Amino acid sequence: MNAKLNKRVAFQQLGLIDYQAAWDYQEQLFADIIRVKIENRHLPEELQQETRNYLLFCQHPHVYTLGKSGQADHLLLTEEELARKQIQYYQINRGGDITYHGPGQLVGYPILDLDNFFTDIHRYLRFLEEAVIRTLAEYGVEAGRIPGLTGVWVDHEKQIHPRKICAMGVKSSRWVTMHGFALNVNADLHYFDYIVPCGIRDKAVTSLDKELGHPQDLMEVEATLKYHLQQLFEMEFYEASFKTVN
């Protein structure tokens, strides 16, 4: 446990950013936090440094990402078809299977030292889900969890036509997190037709605009979700520049 707990979280809105650029940036922040934690182990308590926390919000150009436990055949396009449709594809180091990111989707990357909050990865995932569930409730969309599956689902109780509205996949090392969640707000859902989303063949995908019948204000959804994350994790946000925070 860190001698100096820090619940301050640098919030950074990255805008529409290439997936690789965002991934590289996450890796940079992730590695820096771990470096501080390792250095602290060899220092007396009074000389130990606080570890930083970050929350990145962004959108990506069309891209598919395959988690380390995923199956490559859940991508239903060839390399030539990907190129023709101008969709990028990455095999990455988060958990989970294949998913899609694109414009109109709110992607969140919490890069947190959970020693500053709580050291329980299952609780961490449930808190991310709960923040999304509470956000959707404010828009009149009832959503929740399906036992055995990650993410947030509409029609999660009766499961007549269950559909995922938010996908999740994280990486954790030394209680430091990266990757995160993707909430479909105004997403173009036909891009999910080219994959087996999250490796699940018998359930659909939806978006907030589809559930409500009209496009939504993405920045408003972002602010609402940010508020619920703050409440659940007892975070203290401060705005930070993408270019200046190291």
C-alpha atoms as a PDB file:
ATOM      1  CA  MET A   1       0.000   0.000   0.000  1.00  0.00           C
ATOM      2  CA  ASN A   2       1.299   3.451  -0.836  1.00  0.00           C
ATOM      3  CA  ALA A   3       2.340   5.560   2.104  1.00  0.00           C
ATOM      4  CA  LYS A   4       0.769   8.567   0.396  1.00  0.00           C
ATOM      5  CA  LEU A   5      -2.680   7.858  -1.019  1.00  0.00           C
ATOM      6  CA  ASN A   6      -3.736  10.053  -3.916  1.00  0.00           C
ATOM      7  CA  LYS A   7      -7.339  10.139  -5.123  1.00  0.00           C
ATOM      8  CA  ARG A   8      -6.722  13.071  -7.446  1.00  0.00           C
ATOM      9  CA  VAL A   9      -7.267  12.049 -11.068  1.00  0.00           C
ATOM     10  CA  ALA A  10      -6.005  13.946 -14.109  1.00  0.00           C
ATOM     11  CA  PHE A  11      -8.857  14.096 -16.624  1.00  0.00           C
ATOM     12  CA  GLN A  12      -7.834  14.370 -20.247  1.00  0.00           C
ATOM     13  CA  GLN A  13     -10.166  14.674 -23.234  1.00  0.00           C
ATOM     14  CA  LEU A  14      -8.143  13.386 -26.183  1.00  0.00           C
ATOM     15  CA  GLY A  15     -10.802  13.975 -28.834  1.00  0.00           C
ATOM     16  CA  LEU A  16     -10.782  11.825 -31.978  1.00  0.00           C
ATOM     17  CA  ILE A  17      -7.432  10.071 -31.783  1.00  0.00           C
ATOM     18  CA  ASP A  18      -5.760   7.215 -33.632  1.00  0.00           C
ATOM     19  CA  TYR A  19      -5.994   3.993 -31.636  1.00  0.00           C
ATOM     20  CA  GLN A  20      -2.247   3.313 -31.705  1.00  0.00           C
ATOM     21  CA  ALA A  21      -1.474   6.843 -30.476  1.00  0.00           C
ATOM     22  CA  ALA A  22      -3.884   6.446 -27.558  1.00  0.00           C
ATOM     23  CA  TRP A  23      -2.521   2.992 -26.750  1.00  0.00           C
ATOM     24  CA  ASP A  24       1.062   4.276 -26.759  1.00  0.00           C
ATOM     25  CA  TYR A  25       0.045   7.133 -24.470  1.00  0.00           C
ATOM     26  CA  GLN A  26      -1.683   4.756 -22.070  1.00  0.00           C
ATOM     27  CA  GLU A  27       1.418   2.565 -21.990  1.00  0.00           C
ATOM     28  CA  GLN A  28       3.559   5.602 -21.192  1.00  0.00           C
ATOM     29  CA  LEU A  29       1.378   6.657 -18.253  1.00  0.00           C
ATOM     30  CA  PHE A  30       0.977   3.064 -17.063  1.00  0.00           C
ATOM     31  CA  ALA A  31       4.742   2.459 -17.083  1.00  0.00           C
ATOM     32  CA  ASP A  32       5.438   5.716 -15.256  1.00  0.00           C
ATOM     33  CA  ILE A  33       3.080   4.801 -12.403  1.00  0.00           C
ATOM     34  CA  ILE A  34       4.634   1.350 -12.085  1.00  0.00           C
ATOM     35  CA  ARG A  35       8.122   2.864 -12.103  1.00  0.00           C
ATOM     36  CA  VAL A  36       7.210   5.090  -9.147  1.00  0.00           C
ATOM     37  CA  LYS A  37       5.711   2.141  -7.272  1.00  0.00           C
ATOM     38  CA  ILE A  38       8.864   0.072  -7.749  1.00  0.00           C
ATOM     39  CA  GLU A  39      11.079   2.970  -6.656  1.00  0.00           C
ATOM     40  CA  ASN A  40       8.921   3.521  -3.563  1.00  0.00           C
ATOM     41  CA  ARG A  41       9.585  -0.031  -2.417  1.00  0.00           C
ATOM     42  CA  HIS A  42      13.239   0.894  -1.850  1.00  0.00           C
ATOM     43  CA  LEU A  43      12.630   4.217  -0.121  1.00  0.00           C
ATOM     44  CA  PRO A  44      11.735   5.093   3.466  1.00  0.00           C
ATOM     45  CA  GLU A  45       8.106   6.126   3.873  1.00  0.00           C
ATOM     46  CA  GLU A  46       8.872   9.831   4.202  1.00  0.00           C
ATOM     47  CA  LEU A  47      10.628   9.849   0.798  1.00  0.00           C
ATOM     48  CA  GLN A  48       8.047   7.867  -1.159  1.00  0.00           C
ATOM     49  CA  GLN A  49       6.250   9.625  -4.012  1.00  0.00           C
ATOM     50  CA  GLU A  50       2.537   9.760  -4.669  1.00  0.00           C
ATOM     51  CA  THR A  51       1.454   7.747  -7.695  1.00  0.00           C
ATOM     52  CA  ARG A  52      -0.621   9.568 -10.296  1.00  0.00           C
ATOM     53  CA  ASN A  53      -4.026   8.579 -11.670  1.00  0.00           C
ATOM     54  CA  TYR A  54      -5.557   9.437 -15.043  1.00  0.00           C
ATOM     55  CA  LEU A  55      -8.899   9.219 -16.821  1.00  0.00           C
ATOM     56  CA  LEU A  56      -8.732   9.569 -20.594  1.00  0.00           C
ATOM     57  CA  PHE A  57     -11.872  10.078 -22.678  1.00  0.00           C
ATOM     58  CA  CYS A  58     -11.709   9.886 -26.461  1.00  0.00           C
ATOM     59  CA  GLN A  59     -13.153   8.594 -29.710  1.00  0.00           C
ATOM     60  CA  HIS A  60     -11.305   6.534 -32.306  1.00  0.00           C
ATOM     61  CA  PRO A  61     -11.465   6.220 -36.080  1.00  0.00           C
ATOM     62  CA  HIS A  62     -12.954   2.849 -37.096  1.00  0.00           C
ATOM     63  CA  VAL A  63     -10.895   0.085 -35.471  1.00  0.00           C
ATOM     64  CA  TYR A  64     -11.239  -3.482 -34.209  1.00  0.00           C
ATOM     65  CA  THR A  65      -9.206  -4.642 -31.223  1.00  0.00           C
ATOM     66  CA  LEU A  66      -8.688  -8.241 -30.166  1.00  0.00           C
ATOM     67  CA  GLY A  67      -7.904  -8.988 -26.517  1.00  0.00           C
ATOM     68  CA  LYS A  68      -5.298 -11.534 -25.476  1.00  0.00           C
ATOM     69  CA  SER A  69      -7.953 -14.166 -24.679  1.00  0.00           C
ATOM     70  CA  GLY A  70      -9.858 -13.576 -27.920  1.00  0.00           C
ATOM     71  CA  GLN A  71     -10.114 -15.669 -31.058  1.00  0.00           C
ATOM     72  CA  ALA A  72      -8.788 -14.259 -34.314  1.00  0.00           C
ATOM     73  CA  ASP A  73     -11.618 -15.872 -36.307  1.00  0.00           C
ATOM     74  CA  HIS A  74     -14.090 -13.578 -34.515  1.00  0.00           C
ATOM     75  CA  LEU A  75     -12.958 -10.980 -37.046  1.00  0.00           C
ATOM     76  CA  LEU A  76     -15.068 -11.749 -40.091  1.00  0.00           C
ATOM     77  CA  LEU A  77     -13.138  -9.616 -42.596  1.00  0.00           C
ATOM     78  CA  THR A  78      -9.965 -10.333 -44.522  1.00  0.00           C
ATOM     79  CA  GLU A  79      -6.996  -7.959 -44.501  1.00  0.00           C
ATOM     80  CA  GLU A  80      -8.033  -6.765 -47.953  1.00  0.00           C
ATOM     81  CA  GLU A  81     -11.587  -6.047 -46.798  1.00  0.00           C
ATOM     82  CA  LEU A  82     -10.287  -4.161 -43.749  1.00  0.00           C
ATOM     83  CA  ALA A  83      -8.135  -2.019 -46.011  1.00  0.00           C
ATOM     84  CA  ARG A  84     -10.973  -1.376 -48.437  1.00  0.00           C
ATOM     85  CA  LYS A  85     -13.331  -0.327 -45.641  1.00  0.00           C
ATOM     86  CA  GLN A  86     -10.533   1.720 -43.976  1.00  0.00           C
ATOM     87  CA  ILE A  87     -10.811  -0.108 -40.660  1.00  0.00           C
ATOM     88  CA  GLN A  88      -7.723  -0.643 -38.526  1.00  0.00           C
ATOM     89  CA  TYR A  89      -7.109  -3.852 -36.565  1.00  0.00           C
ATOM     90  CA  TYR A  90      -4.935  -4.476 -33.495  1.00  0.00           C
ATOM     91  CA  GLN A  91      -4.222  -7.439 -31.272  1.00  0.00           C
ATOM     92  CA  ILE A  92      -3.733  -5.891 -27.843  1.00  0.00           C
ATOM     93  CA  ASN A  93      -2.863  -6.711 -24.232  1.00  0.00           C
ATOM     94  CA  ARG A  94      -6.194  -6.259 -22.479  1.00  0.00           C
ATOM     95  CA  GLY A  95      -8.515  -9.027 -21.408  1.00  0.00           C
ATOM     96  CA  GLY A  96     -11.584  -9.986 -23.408  1.00  0.00           C
ATOM     97  CA  ASP A  97     -12.252 -10.808 -27.037  1.00  0.00           C
ATOM     98  CA  ILE A  98     -12.838  -8.616 -30.091  1.00  0.00           C
ATOM     99  CA  THR A  99     -14.645  -5.296 -30.063  1.00  0.00           C
ATOM    100  CA  TYR A 100     -15.161  -2.231 -32.240  1.00  0.00           C
ATOM    101  CA  HIS A 101     -14.334   1.427 -31.617  1.00  0.00           C
ATOM    102  CA  GLY A 102     -15.457   4.289 -33.802  1.00  0.00           C
ATOM    103  CA  PRO A 103     -16.861   7.816 -33.958  1.00  0.00           C
ATOM    104  CA  GLY A 104     -19.921   8.368 -31.794  1.00  0.00           C
ATOM    105  CA  GLN A 105     -18.635   6.014 -29.135  1.00  0.00           C
ATOM    106  CA  LEU A 106     -17.385   7.272 -25.757  1.00  0.00           C
ATOM    107  CA  VAL A 107     -14.174   5.407 -24.948  1.00  0.00           C
ATOM    108  CA  GLY A 108     -12.778   5.689 -21.432  1.00  0.00           C
ATOM    109  CA  TYR A 109      -9.317   4.661 -20.282  1.00  0.00           C
ATOM    110  CA  PRO A 110      -8.873   4.862 -16.499  1.00  0.00           C
ATOM    111  CA  ILE A 111      -5.187   4.534 -15.674  1.00  0.00           C
ATOM    112  CA  LEU A 112      -5.384   4.244 -11.912  1.00  0.00           C
ATOM    113  CA  ASP A 113      -3.168   2.992  -9.145  1.00  0.00           C
ATOM    114  CA  LEU A 114      -5.777   0.952  -7.295  1.00  0.00           C
ATOM    115  CA  ASP A 115      -3.600   1.131  -4.186  1.00  0.00           C
ATOM    116  CA  ASN A 116      -4.978   4.673  -4.001  1.00  0.00           C
ATOM    117  CA  PHE A 117      -8.562   3.363  -3.992  1.00  0.00           C
ATOM    118  CA  PHE A 118      -9.006  -0.365  -3.291  1.00  0.00           C
ATOM    119  CA  THR A 119      -7.108  -3.459  -4.386  1.00  0.00           C
ATOM    120  CA  ASP A 120      -9.913  -5.536  -5.852  1.00  0.00           C
ATOM    121  CA  ILE A 121     -10.069  -5.913  -9.638  1.00  0.00           C
ATOM    122  CA  HIS A 122     -13.589  -7.372  -9.564  1.00  0.00           C
ATOM    123  CA  ARG A 123     -14.848  -4.411  -7.556  1.00  0.00           C
ATOM    124  CA  TYR A 124     -13.064  -2.138 -10.019  1.00  0.00           C
ATOM    125  CA  LEU A 125     -14.916  -3.681 -12.976  1.00  0.00           C
ATOM    126  CA  ARG A 126     -18.243  -3.564 -11.147  1.00  0.00           C
ATOM    127  CA  PHE A 127     -17.701   0.139 -10.364  1.00  0.00           C
ATOM    128  CA  LEU A 128     -17.021   0.891 -14.035  1.00  0.00           C
ATOM    129  CA  GLU A 129     -20.193  -0.968 -14.969  1.00  0.00           C
ATOM    130  CA  GLU A 130     -22.176   0.767 -12.234  1.00  0.00           C
ATOM    131  CA  ALA A 131     -21.099   4.220 -13.427  1.00  0.00           C
ATOM    132  CA  VAL A 132     -22.390   3.367 -16.917  1.00  0.00           C
ATOM    133  CA  ILE A 133     -25.619   1.889 -15.521  1.00  0.00           C
ATOM    134  CA  ARG A 134     -26.293   5.055 -13.507  1.00  0.00           C
ATOM    135  CA  THR A 135     -25.501   7.228 -16.514  1.00  0.00           C
ATOM    136  CA  LEU A 136     -27.946   5.358 -18.737  1.00  0.00           C
ATOM    137  CA  ALA A 137     -30.622   5.541 -16.033  1.00  0.00           C
ATOM    138  CA  GLU A 138     -30.472   9.332 -16.258  1.00  0.00           C
ATOM    139  CA  TYR A 139     -31.507   8.970 -19.901  1.00  0.00           C
ATOM    140  CA  GLY A 140     -34.350   6.644 -19.039  1.00  0.00           C
ATOM    141  CA  VAL A 141     -32.554   3.519 -20.270  1.00  0.00           C
ATOM    142  CA  GLU A 142     -32.699   0.626 -17.833  1.00  0.00           C
ATOM    143  CA  ALA A 143     -29.493  -1.377 -18.088  1.00  0.00           C
ATOM    144  CA  GLY A 144     -27.538  -3.790 -15.953  1.00  0.00           C
ATOM    145  CA  ARG A 145     -25.340  -6.862 -15.820  1.00  0.00           C
ATOM    146  CA  ILE A 146     -25.768 -10.396 -17.125  1.00  0.00           C
ATOM    147  CA  PRO A 147     -24.145 -13.002 -14.852  1.00  0.00           C
ATOM    148  CA  GLY A 148     -20.933 -14.370 -16.301  1.00  0.00           C
ATOM    149  CA  LEU A 149     -20.559 -11.568 -18.866  1.00  0.00           C
ATOM    150  CA  THR A 150     -18.718  -8.276 -18.540  1.00  0.00           C
ATOM    151  CA  GLY A 151     -20.036  -4.940 -19.706  1.00  0.00           C
ATOM    152  CA  VAL A 152     -23.450  -3.327 -19.520  1.00  0.00           C
ATOM    153  CA  TRP A 153     -26.579  -4.692 -21.160  1.00  0.00           C
ATOM    154  CA  VAL A 154     -30.086  -3.562 -22.054  1.00  0.00           C
ATOM    155  CA  ASP A 155     -32.844  -6.130 -21.388  1.00  0.00           C
ATOM    156  CA  HIS A 156     -30.536  -7.797 -18.873  1.00  0.00           C
ATOM    157  CA  GLU A 157     -33.315  -9.254 -16.697  1.00  0.00           C
ATOM    158  CA  LYS A 158     -35.910 -10.929 -18.950  1.00  0.00           C
ATOM    159  CA  GLN A 159     -33.333 -11.315 -21.739  1.00  0.00           C
ATOM    160  CA  ILE A 160     -35.939 -11.463 -24.487  1.00  0.00           C
ATOM    161  CA  HIS A 161     -33.618  -9.446 -26.732  1.00  0.00           C
ATOM    162  CA  PRO A 162     -30.490  -8.704 -24.654  1.00  0.00           C
ATOM    163  CA  ARG A 163     -28.084  -6.249 -26.239  1.00  0.00           C
ATOM    164  CA  LYS A 164     -24.749  -4.878 -25.118  1.00  0.00           C
ATOM    165  CA  ILE A 165     -24.437  -1.104 -24.916  1.00  0.00           C
ATOM    166  CA  CYS A 166     -21.040  -0.886 -23.226  1.00  0.00           C
ATOM    167  CA  ALA A 167     -18.050  -3.196 -23.665  1.00  0.00           C
ATOM    168  CA  MET A 168     -15.208  -3.505 -21.164  1.00  0.00           C
ATOM    169  CA  GLY A 169     -11.717  -4.939 -21.185  1.00  0.00           C
ATOM    170  CA  VAL A 170      -8.877  -4.033 -18.858  1.00  0.00           C
ATOM    171  CA  LYS A 171      -5.278  -4.828 -18.050  1.00  0.00           C
ATOM    172  CA  SER A 172      -3.854  -4.664 -14.529  1.00  0.00           C
ATOM    173  CA  SER A 173      -0.320  -5.052 -13.218  1.00  0.00           C
ATOM    174  CA  ARG A 174       0.875  -4.200  -9.697  1.00  0.00           C
ATOM    175  CA  TRP A 175      -2.679  -2.868  -9.166  1.00  0.00           C
ATOM    176  CA  VAL A 176      -2.260  -0.322 -11.965  1.00  0.00           C
ATOM    177  CA  THR A 177      -4.999  -0.382 -14.619  1.00  0.00           C
ATOM    178  CA  MET A 178      -5.206   0.488 -18.307  1.00  0.00           C
ATOM    179  CA  HIS A 179      -7.628   0.044 -21.217  1.00  0.00           C
ATOM    180  CA  GLY A 180     -11.248   0.352 -20.030  1.00  0.00           C
ATOM    181  CA  PHE A 181     -14.707   0.730 -21.540  1.00  0.00           C
ATOM    182  CA  ALA A 182     -16.515   1.767 -24.710  1.00  0.00           C
ATOM    183  CA  LEU A 183     -20.056   3.154 -24.399  1.00  0.00           C
ATOM    184  CA  ASN A 184     -22.063   3.274 -27.616  1.00  0.00           C
ATOM    185  CA  VAL A 185     -23.713   6.696 -27.703  1.00  0.00           C
ATOM    186  CA  ASN A 186     -24.191   7.555 -31.394  1.00  0.00           C
ATOM    187  CA  ALA A 187     -22.188   4.641 -32.783  1.00  0.00           C
ATOM    188  CA  ASP A 188     -22.649   3.242 -36.283  1.00  0.00           C
ATOM    189  CA  LEU A 189     -23.711  -0.254 -35.267  1.00  0.00           C
ATOM    190  CA  HIS A 190     -23.300  -1.866 -38.675  1.00  0.00           C
ATOM    191  CA  TYR A 191     -19.536  -2.107 -37.989  1.00  0.00           C
ATOM    192  CA  PHE A 192     -20.369  -4.756 -35.387  1.00  0.00           C
ATOM    193  CA  ASP A 193     -21.711  -6.930 -38.233  1.00  0.00           C
ATOM    194  CA  TYR A 194     -18.140  -7.672 -39.297  1.00  0.00           C
ATOM    195  CA  ILE A 195     -17.112  -9.258 -35.978  1.00  0.00           C
ATOM    196  CA  VAL A 196     -18.452 -11.584 -33.314  1.00  0.00           C
ATOM    197  CA  PRO A 197     -18.684  -8.856 -30.654  1.00  0.00           C
ATOM    198  CA  CYS A 198     -16.829  -9.870 -27.482  1.00  0.00           C
ATOM    199  CA  GLY A 199     -16.984 -13.455 -28.804  1.00  0.00           C
ATOM    200  CA  ILE A 200     -20.732 -13.663 -28.098  1.00  0.00           C
ATOM    201  CA  ARG A 201     -22.785 -14.959 -31.023  1.00  0.00           C
ATOM    202  CA  ASP A 202     -26.288 -15.028 -29.546  1.00  0.00           C
ATOM    203  CA  LYS A 203     -26.680 -11.440 -28.301  1.00  0.00           C
ATOM    204  CA  ALA A 204     -26.972  -8.104 -30.085  1.00  0.00           C
ATOM    205  CA  VAL A 205     -25.311  -4.709 -29.733  1.00  0.00           C
ATOM    206  CA  THR A 206     -27.086  -1.408 -29.242  1.00  0.00           C
ATOM    207  CA  SER A 207     -26.395   2.294 -28.794  1.00  0.00           C
ATOM    208  CA  LEU A 208     -27.962   5.038 -26.706  1.00  0.00           C
ATOM    209  CA  ASP A 209     -29.254   6.861 -29.760  1.00  0.00           C
ATOM    210  CA  LYS A 210     -30.886   3.676 -31.034  1.00  0.00           C
ATOM    211  CA  GLU A 211     -32.588   3.041 -27.686  1.00  0.00           C
ATOM    212  CA  LEU A 212     -33.914   6.607 -27.504  1.00  0.00           C
ATOM    213  CA  GLY A 213     -34.650   7.082 -31.191  1.00  0.00           C
ATOM    214  CA  HIS A 214     -32.491  10.158 -31.815  1.00  0.00           C
ATOM    215  CA  PRO A 215     -28.843  11.284 -31.565  1.00  0.00           C
ATOM    216  CA  GLN A 216     -27.481  12.240 -28.158  1.00  0.00           C
ATOM    217  CA  ASP A 217     -25.164  15.009 -26.987  1.00  0.00           C
ATOM    218  CA  LEU A 218     -21.898  13.109 -26.534  1.00  0.00           C
ATOM    219  CA  MET A 219     -20.345  15.769 -24.307  1.00  0.00           C
ATOM    220  CA  GLU A 220     -23.367  15.694 -22.035  1.00  0.00           C
ATOM    221  CA  VAL A 221     -23.142  11.920 -21.724  1.00  0.00           C
ATOM    222  CA  GLU A 222     -19.429  12.282 -20.996  1.00  0.00           C
ATOM    223  CA  ALA A 223     -20.078  14.765 -18.187  1.00  0.00           C
ATOM    224  CA  THR A 224     -22.727  12.511 -16.654  1.00  0.00           C
ATOM    225  CA  LEU A 225     -20.501   9.436 -16.765  1.00  0.00           C
ATOM    226  CA  LYS A 226     -17.569  11.382 -15.357  1.00  0.00           C
ATOM    227  CA  TYR A 227     -19.746  12.477 -12.421  1.00  0.00           C
ATOM    228  CA  HIS A 228     -20.777   8.918 -11.573  1.00  0.00           C
ATOM    229  CA  LEU A 229     -17.193   7.673 -11.779  1.00  0.00           C
ATOM    230  CA  GLN A 230     -16.198  10.447  -9.417  1.00  0.00           C
ATOM    231  CA  GLN A 231     -18.919   9.509  -6.935  1.00  0.00           C
ATOM    232  CA  LEU A 232     -18.239   5.783  -6.953  1.00  0.00           C
ATOM    233  CA  PHE A 233     -14.451   5.992  -6.723  1.00  0.00           C
ATOM    234  CA  GLU A 234     -14.452   9.141  -4.548  1.00  0.00           C
ATOM    235  CA  MET A 235     -12.127  10.746  -7.069  1.00  0.00           C
ATOM    236  CA  GLU A 236     -11.084  14.372  -7.210  1.00  0.00           C
ATOM    237  CA  PHE A 237     -10.778  15.354 -10.871  1.00  0.00           C
ATOM    238  CA  TYR A 238      -8.578  18.071 -12.265  1.00  0.00           C
ATOM    239  CA  GLU A 239      -8.273  19.040 -15.919  1.00  0.00           C
ATOM    240  CA  ALA A 240      -4.956  18.216 -17.543  1.00  0.00           C
ATOM    241  CA  SER A 241      -3.467  18.784 -20.967  1.00  0.00           C
ATOM    242  CA  PHE A 242      -2.785  15.783 -23.189  1.00  0.00           C
ATOM    243  CA  LYS A 243       0.500  17.332 -24.321  1.00  0.00           C
ATOM    244  CA  THR A 244       1.864  18.523 -20.995  1.00  0.00           C
ATOM    245  CA  VAL A 245       1.147  15.739 -18.533  1.00  0.00           C
ATOM    246  CA  ASN A 246       4.046  13.277 -18.479  1.00  0.00           C
END
